[in-house]
Amino acid sequence: MKNILVRNWMTPNPITISSDASLPEAHELMQKHKIRRLPVVDHGELVGIVTRGDVRGASASEATTLSIYELNYLLARMPVRHLMHAPVITISPEATIGEAAKLMLKHKIAGLPVVADGKVVGIITESDIFRGVVADWENTGAAVNP
């Protein structure tokens, strides 16, 4: 597994969103495509990342004096740029899976945009790595010790 490259396990051509898109647009994309993170791309350049947790967590303080209607109105118009994480930790498609896993563990994140020549070409997540490990394990015929 030391020589397995990110490009072999990543999800290519990930769904992205612009920083001007609204919170409901991000939520809808995540729901529709069953994904948990969206790279934020403006003019072909990665500028941030937004997660399902960021979208769910976007709510007003309990101390607000706004009504529920005012809150919903404001949240519906909130651009993704106000929620996204930036700068983004990325990885090259030529990096190894081990390097990707170490980065995720070090930064306590569950996914990395894969960037080549300044463009987002994929995304690698904990789930991708887990699926790959299981497939590798099954192909080697490894046995589980009771």
C-alpha atoms as a PDB file:
ATOM      1  CA  MET A   1       0.000   0.000   0.000  1.00  0.00           C
ATOM      2  CA  LYS A   2       3.010   2.281   0.339  1.00  0.00           C
ATOM      3  CA  ASN A   3       3.133   2.807  -3.412  1.00  0.00           C
ATOM      4  CA  ILE A   4      -0.567   3.340  -4.064  1.00  0.00           C
ATOM      5  CA  LEU A   5      -1.172   6.827  -5.379  1.00  0.00           C
ATOM      6  CA  VAL A   6      -3.996   9.202  -4.521  1.00  0.00           C
ATOM      7  CA  ARG A   7      -4.988   9.394  -8.199  1.00  0.00           C
ATOM      8  CA  ASN A   8      -5.876   5.682  -8.090  1.00  0.00           C
ATOM      9  CA  TRP A   9      -8.312   6.019  -5.167  1.00  0.00           C
ATOM     10  CA  MET A  10      -9.648   9.577  -5.423  1.00  0.00           C
ATOM     11  CA  THR A  11     -13.042  10.527  -6.743  1.00  0.00           C
ATOM     12  CA  PRO A  12     -12.230  12.397  -9.968  1.00  0.00           C
ATOM     13  CA  ASN A  13     -13.974  15.577 -11.120  1.00  0.00           C
ATOM     14  CA  PRO A  14     -15.675  16.377  -7.808  1.00  0.00           C
ATOM     15  CA  ILE A  15     -18.797  18.479  -7.532  1.00  0.00           C
ATOM     16  CA  THR A  16     -17.758  22.050  -6.683  1.00  0.00           C
ATOM     17  CA  ILE A  17     -19.530  25.271  -5.751  1.00  0.00           C
ATOM     18  CA  SER A  18     -18.707  28.971  -6.088  1.00  0.00           C
ATOM     19  CA  SER A  19     -18.155  31.206  -3.077  1.00  0.00           C
ATOM     20  CA  ASP A  20     -21.156  33.312  -4.163  1.00  0.00           C
ATOM     21  CA  ALA A  21     -23.558  30.362  -4.019  1.00  0.00           C
ATOM     22  CA  SER A  22     -26.081  30.378  -1.205  1.00  0.00           C
ATOM     23  CA  LEU A  23     -26.232  28.110   1.813  1.00  0.00           C
ATOM     24  CA  PRO A  24     -29.380  26.349   0.487  1.00  0.00           C
ATOM     25  CA  GLU A  25     -27.620  25.738  -2.856  1.00  0.00           C
ATOM     26  CA  ALA A  26     -24.723  24.050  -1.055  1.00  0.00           C
ATOM     27  CA  HIS A  27     -27.121  21.964   1.013  1.00  0.00           C
ATOM     28  CA  GLU A  28     -29.083  20.924  -2.068  1.00  0.00           C
ATOM     29  CA  LEU A  29     -25.918  19.867  -3.939  1.00  0.00           C
ATOM     30  CA  MET A  30     -24.752  17.794  -0.985  1.00  0.00           C
ATOM     31  CA  GLN A  31     -28.140  16.121  -0.630  1.00  0.00           C
ATOM     32  CA  LYS A  32     -28.570  15.482  -4.354  1.00  0.00           C
ATOM     33  CA  HIS A  33     -25.109  13.946  -4.824  1.00  0.00           C
ATOM     34  CA  LYS A  34     -24.904  12.323  -1.370  1.00  0.00           C
ATOM     35  CA  ILE A  35     -21.629  14.067  -0.537  1.00  0.00           C
ATOM     36  CA  ARG A  36     -20.311  15.639   2.651  1.00  0.00           C
ATOM     37  CA  ARG A  37     -17.912  18.269   1.347  1.00  0.00           C
ATOM     38  CA  LEU A  38     -17.743  20.717  -1.522  1.00  0.00           C
ATOM     39  CA  PRO A  39     -14.571  22.349  -2.786  1.00  0.00           C
ATOM     40  CA  VAL A  40     -15.273  26.048  -3.308  1.00  0.00           C
ATOM     41  CA  VAL A  41     -13.933  27.172  -6.691  1.00  0.00           C
ATOM     42  CA  ASP A  42     -13.932  30.679  -8.149  1.00  0.00           C
ATOM     43  CA  HIS A  43     -12.647  31.294 -11.700  1.00  0.00           C
ATOM     44  CA  GLY A  44     -11.095  27.808 -11.765  1.00  0.00           C
ATOM     45  CA  GLU A  45      -9.147  28.357  -8.525  1.00  0.00           C
ATOM     46  CA  LEU A  46      -9.732  26.526  -5.240  1.00  0.00           C
ATOM     47  CA  VAL A  47     -10.564  29.159  -2.615  1.00  0.00           C
ATOM     48  CA  GLY A  48     -12.099  27.069   0.181  1.00  0.00           C
ATOM     49  CA  ILE A  49     -14.045  24.024   1.228  1.00  0.00           C
ATOM     50  CA  VAL A  50     -17.444  23.715   2.884  1.00  0.00           C
ATOM     51  CA  THR A  51     -18.715  20.631   4.688  1.00  0.00           C
ATOM     52  CA  ARG A  52     -22.132  19.278   5.545  1.00  0.00           C
ATOM     53  CA  GLY A  53     -21.341  20.106   9.180  1.00  0.00           C
ATOM     54  CA  ASP A  54     -20.666  23.733   8.238  1.00  0.00           C
ATOM     55  CA  VAL A  55     -24.015  23.937   6.474  1.00  0.00           C
ATOM     56  CA  ARG A  56     -25.878  22.266   9.349  1.00  0.00           C
ATOM     57  CA  GLY A  57     -24.125  24.432  11.903  1.00  0.00           C
ATOM     58  CA  ALA A  58     -25.097  27.698  10.231  1.00  0.00           C
ATOM     59  CA  SER A  59     -27.598  29.037  12.691  1.00  0.00           C
ATOM     60  CA  ALA A  60     -28.129  32.111  14.742  1.00  0.00           C
ATOM     61  CA  SER A  61     -27.318  32.523  18.390  1.00  0.00           C
ATOM     62  CA  GLU A  62     -30.086  31.845  20.873  1.00  0.00           C
ATOM     63  CA  ALA A  63     -29.588  35.439  22.002  1.00  0.00           C
ATOM     64  CA  THR A  64     -30.814  36.830  18.681  1.00  0.00           C
ATOM     65  CA  THR A  65     -33.776  39.162  18.576  1.00  0.00           C
ATOM     66  CA  LEU A  66     -34.647  38.170  15.002  1.00  0.00           C
ATOM     67  CA  SER A  67     -37.807  36.235  14.259  1.00  0.00           C
ATOM     68  CA  ILE A  68     -37.653  32.787  12.658  1.00  0.00           C
ATOM     69  CA  TYR A  69     -38.780  34.364   9.379  1.00  0.00           C
ATOM     70  CA  GLU A  70     -35.991  36.941   9.470  1.00  0.00           C
ATOM     71  CA  LEU A  71     -33.455  34.217  10.289  1.00  0.00           C
ATOM     72  CA  ASN A  72     -34.629  32.008   7.431  1.00  0.00           C
ATOM     73  CA  TYR A  73     -34.517  34.970   5.070  1.00  0.00           C
ATOM     74  CA  LEU A  74     -30.929  35.798   6.042  1.00  0.00           C
ATOM     75  CA  LEU A  75     -29.689  32.192   6.022  1.00  0.00           C
ATOM     76  CA  ALA A  76     -31.225  31.597   2.591  1.00  0.00           C
ATOM     77  CA  ARG A  77     -29.092  34.420   1.231  1.00  0.00           C
ATOM     78  CA  MET A  78     -25.865  33.671   3.099  1.00  0.00           C
ATOM     79  CA  PRO A  79     -23.060  33.026   0.600  1.00  0.00           C
ATOM     80  CA  VAL A  80     -20.849  29.981   1.007  1.00  0.00           C
ATOM     81  CA  ARG A  81     -17.780  32.237   1.390  1.00  0.00           C
ATOM     82  CA  HIS A  82     -18.979  33.097   4.922  1.00  0.00           C
ATOM     83  CA  LEU A  83     -18.897  29.429   5.945  1.00  0.00           C
ATOM     84  CA  MET A  84     -16.039  27.926   3.960  1.00  0.00           C
ATOM     85  CA  HIS A  85     -12.699  26.920   5.424  1.00  0.00           C
ATOM     86  CA  ALA A  86      -9.717  28.665   3.865  1.00  0.00           C
ATOM     87  CA  PRO A  87      -6.924  28.169   3.138  1.00  0.00           C
ATOM     88  CA  VAL A  88      -7.523  24.575   2.125  1.00  0.00           C
ATOM     89  CA  ILE A  89      -5.189  21.687   2.823  1.00  0.00           C
ATOM     90  CA  THR A  90      -4.747  19.863  -0.481  1.00  0.00           C
ATOM     91  CA  ILE A  91      -2.792  16.962  -1.889  1.00  0.00           C
ATOM     92  CA  SER A  92      -1.303  16.048  -5.258  1.00  0.00           C
ATOM     93  CA  PRO A  93      -2.645  13.110  -7.278  1.00  0.00           C
ATOM     94  CA  GLU A  94       0.925  11.773  -7.265  1.00  0.00           C
ATOM     95  CA  ALA A  95       1.113  11.617  -3.455  1.00  0.00           C
ATOM     96  CA  THR A  96       0.689   8.258  -1.754  1.00  0.00           C
ATOM     97  CA  ILE A  97      -2.378   7.153   0.135  1.00  0.00           C
ATOM     98  CA  GLY A  98      -0.215   7.042   3.261  1.00  0.00           C
ATOM     99  CA  GLU A  99       0.669  10.713   2.830  1.00  0.00           C
ATOM    100  CA  ALA A 100      -3.010  11.584   2.392  1.00  0.00           C
ATOM    101  CA  ALA A 101      -3.963   9.627   5.511  1.00  0.00           C
ATOM    102  CA  LYS A 102      -1.207  11.320   7.544  1.00  0.00           C
ATOM    103  CA  LEU A 103      -2.391  14.776   6.429  1.00  0.00           C
ATOM    104  CA  MET A 104      -5.972  13.971   7.366  1.00  0.00           C
ATOM    105  CA  LEU A 105      -4.940  12.675  10.779  1.00  0.00           C
ATOM    106  CA  LYS A 106      -2.595  15.598  11.448  1.00  0.00           C
ATOM    107  CA  HIS A 107      -5.210  18.219  10.584  1.00  0.00           C
ATOM    108  CA  LYS A 108      -8.219  16.233  11.863  1.00  0.00           C
ATOM    109  CA  ILE A 109     -10.063  16.449   8.567  1.00  0.00           C
ATOM    110  CA  ALA A 110     -11.987  13.805   6.647  1.00  0.00           C
ATOM    111  CA  GLY A 111     -11.165  14.783   3.075  1.00  0.00           C
ATOM    112  CA  LEU A 112      -8.651  16.515   0.857  1.00  0.00           C
ATOM    113  CA  PRO A 113      -9.171  18.209  -2.486  1.00  0.00           C
ATOM    114  CA  VAL A 114      -6.719  16.780  -5.009  1.00  0.00           C
ATOM    115  CA  VAL A 115      -5.022  19.560  -6.945  1.00  0.00           C
ATOM    116  CA  ALA A 116      -2.830  19.353 -10.061  1.00  0.00           C
ATOM    117  CA  ASP A 117      -1.528  22.373 -11.956  1.00  0.00           C
ATOM    118  CA  GLY A 118      -3.655  24.648  -9.770  1.00  0.00           C
ATOM    119  CA  LYS A 119      -6.928  22.882 -10.643  1.00  0.00           C
ATOM    120  CA  VAL A 120      -9.134  20.629  -8.530  1.00  0.00           C
ATOM    121  CA  VAL A 121      -8.963  17.235 -10.238  1.00  0.00           C
ATOM    122  CA  GLY A 122     -10.430  15.078  -7.496  1.00  0.00           C
ATOM    123  CA  ILE A 123     -11.163  14.580  -3.852  1.00  0.00           C
ATOM    124  CA  ILE A 124      -9.899  11.870  -1.506  1.00  0.00           C
ATOM    125  CA  THR A 125     -11.809  11.084   1.660  1.00  0.00           C
ATOM    126  CA  GLU A 126     -11.555   8.764   4.641  1.00  0.00           C
ATOM    127  CA  SER A 127     -14.246   6.657   2.995  1.00  0.00           C
ATOM    128  CA  ASP A 128     -12.181   6.313  -0.207  1.00  0.00           C
ATOM    129  CA  ILE A 129      -9.154   5.206   1.802  1.00  0.00           C
ATOM    130  CA  PHE A 130     -11.221   2.801   3.890  1.00  0.00           C
ATOM    131  CA  ARG A 131     -12.814   1.298   0.749  1.00  0.00           C
ATOM    132  CA  GLY A 132      -9.363   0.901  -0.792  1.00  0.00           C
ATOM    133  CA  VAL A 133      -7.933  -0.757   2.306  1.00  0.00           C
ATOM    134  CA  VAL A 134     -10.831  -3.213   2.440  1.00  0.00           C
ATOM    135  CA  ALA A 135     -10.477  -4.018  -1.281  1.00  0.00           C
ATOM    136  CA  ASP A 136      -6.712  -4.463  -0.882  1.00  0.00           C
ATOM    137  CA  TRP A 137      -7.261  -6.661   2.155  1.00  0.00           C
ATOM    138  CA  GLU A 138      -9.802  -8.807   0.315  1.00  0.00           C
ATOM    139  CA  ASN A 139      -7.488  -9.161  -2.705  1.00  0.00           C
ATOM    140  CA  THR A 140      -4.568 -10.335  -0.581  1.00  0.00           C
ATOM    141  CA  GLY A 141      -6.683 -12.966   1.163  1.00  0.00           C
ATOM    142  CA  ALA A 142      -5.684 -11.691   4.586  1.00  0.00           C
ATOM    143  CA  ALA A 143      -7.402 -13.437   7.454  1.00  0.00           C
ATOM    144  CA  VAL A 144      -8.841 -11.840  10.544  1.00  0.00           C
ATOM    145  CA  ASN A 145      -7.373 -13.105  13.813  1.00  0.00           C
ATOM    146  CA  PRO A 146     -10.119 -14.106  16.243  1.00  0.00           C
END
